[in-house]
Protein backbone atom coordinates (compact mmCIF):
# COMPACT_ATOMS: atom_id res chain seq x y z
CA UNK A 1 20.75 92.27 96.25
CA UNK A 2 23.35 92.52 93.53
CA UNK A 3 22.83 90.73 90.21
CA UNK A 4 26.24 89.08 90.64
CA UNK A 5 25.14 87.51 93.93
CA UNK A 6 21.96 86.23 92.30
CA UNK A 7 23.98 84.75 89.44
CA UNK A 8 26.26 82.98 91.93
CA UNK A 9 23.25 81.48 93.74
CA UNK A 10 21.81 80.33 90.43
CA UNK A 11 25.13 78.83 89.35
CA UNK A 12 25.40 76.93 92.65
CA UNK A 13 21.90 75.49 92.28
CA UNK A 14 22.52 74.53 88.64
CA UNK A 15 25.67 72.72 89.76
CA UNK A 16 23.72 70.84 92.43
CA UNK A 17 21.03 69.94 89.89
CA UNK A 18 23.72 68.56 87.59
CA UNK A 19 25.11 66.43 90.43
CA UNK A 20 21.62 65.15 91.25
CA UNK A 21 21.00 64.30 87.60
CA UNK A 22 24.16 62.21 87.53
CA UNK A 23 23.06 60.43 90.71
CA UNK A 24 19.67 59.58 89.20
CA UNK A 25 21.01 56.80 86.99
CA UNK A 26 22.81 55.12 89.87
CA UNK A 27 19.74 55.28 92.12
CA UNK A 28 17.46 53.96 89.39
CA UNK A 29 19.89 51.09 88.80
CA UNK A 30 19.96 50.28 92.53
CA UNK A 31 16.17 50.24 92.67
CA UNK A 32 15.82 48.01 89.62
CA UNK A 33 18.43 45.57 90.93
CA UNK A 34 16.77 45.40 94.34
CA UNK A 35 13.38 44.79 92.72
CA UNK A 36 14.78 42.07 90.45
CA UNK A 37 16.50 40.26 93.35
CA UNK A 38 13.30 40.40 95.40
CA UNK A 39 11.09 39.06 92.61
CA UNK A 40 13.51 36.27 91.68
CA UNK A 41 13.95 35.08 95.26
CA UNK A 42 10.24 35.28 95.94
CA UNK A 43 9.51 33.14 92.87
CA UNK A 44 12.12 30.60 94.00
CA UNK A 45 10.66 30.45 97.50
CA UNK A 46 7.10 30.10 96.19
CA UNK A 47 8.14 27.20 93.94
CA UNK A 48 10.00 25.61 96.85
CA UNK A 49 6.93 25.87 99.10
CA UNK A 50 4.71 24.40 96.38
CA UNK A 51 7.19 21.55 96.00
CA UNK A 52 7.07 20.94 99.74
CA UNK A 53 3.32 20.46 99.48
CA UNK A 54 2.32 23.65 101.28
CA UNK A 55 -1.34 24.51 100.69
CA UNK A 56 -1.78 26.81 97.70
CA UNK A 57 -3.43 29.47 99.86
CA UNK A 58 -0.40 29.52 102.20
CA UNK A 59 2.42 29.47 99.62
CA UNK A 60 2.60 33.24 99.15
CA UNK A 61 2.43 33.95 102.87
CA UNK A 62 5.13 31.42 103.81
CA UNK A 63 7.41 32.46 100.94
CA UNK A 64 7.51 36.05 102.24
CA UNK A 65 9.67 35.28 105.26
CA UNK A 66 13.43 35.14 105.73
CA UNK A 67 15.58 36.21 102.80
CA UNK A 68 12.57 37.42 100.84
CA UNK A 69 11.61 39.80 103.65
CA UNK A 70 15.15 41.21 103.73
CA UNK A 71 15.13 41.67 99.96
CA UNK A 72 11.74 43.35 100.15
CA UNK A 73 13.14 45.75 102.75
CA UNK A 74 16.05 46.53 100.41
CA UNK A 75 13.61 47.12 97.57
CA UNK A 76 11.46 49.45 99.68
CA UNK A 77 14.54 51.37 100.84
CA UNK A 78 15.76 51.78 97.25
CA UNK A 79 12.32 52.95 96.12
CA UNK A 80 12.01 55.49 98.92
CA UNK A 81 15.57 56.73 98.36
CA UNK A 82 14.74 57.32 94.70
CA UNK A 83 11.53 59.15 95.61
CA UNK A 84 13.45 61.38 98.05
CA UNK A 85 16.05 62.02 95.37
CA UNK A 86 13.44 63.21 92.88
CA UNK A 87 11.79 65.36 95.57
CA UNK A 88 15.17 66.97 96.24
CA UNK A 89 15.58 67.69 92.53
CA UNK A 90 12.15 69.32 92.45
CA UNK A 91 13.11 71.44 95.46
CA UNK A 92 16.27 72.57 93.70
CA UNK A 93 14.28 73.43 90.58
CA UNK A 94 11.88 75.51 92.67
CA UNK A 95 14.81 77.34 94.26
CA UNK A 96 16.30 78.01 90.84
CA UNK A 97 12.95 79.30 89.63
CA UNK A 98 12.85 81.71 92.57
CA UNK A 99 16.34 83.00 91.85
CA UNK A 100 15.47 83.39 88.18
CA UNK A 101 12.47 85.51 89.18
CA UNK A 102 14.69 87.68 91.38
CA UNK A 103 17.16 88.01 88.52
CA UNK A 104 14.40 89.01 86.12
CA UNK A 105 13.14 91.61 88.60
CA UNK A 106 16.63 93.05 89.06
CA UNK A 107 17.11 93.20 85.29
CA UNK A 108 13.86 95.09 84.85
CA UNK A 109 14.58 97.61 87.63
CA UNK A 110 18.23 98.21 87.10
């Protein structure tokens, strides 16, 4: 393999890593907003259930239905999307590391 080809592969991966880094902030923001919405709505529903005289042991369970369940699903999706994003970044870093090793080998032999 030619050093120029290796450099092009490395450049492509570095570009993808840069794009992923820019996406990180947006994904983190989405996750934090989803978590905040879930926690706020859950607190509202728990207070509402307490006000309705629901037994203390049942408040949490009854508050988890409806809108709160949908918000929890959004929060879980945002969390898993962020985890997948960071896994993808780690994969790209590993690929870059491999190409750097190839480049180093080519430099030492040629």
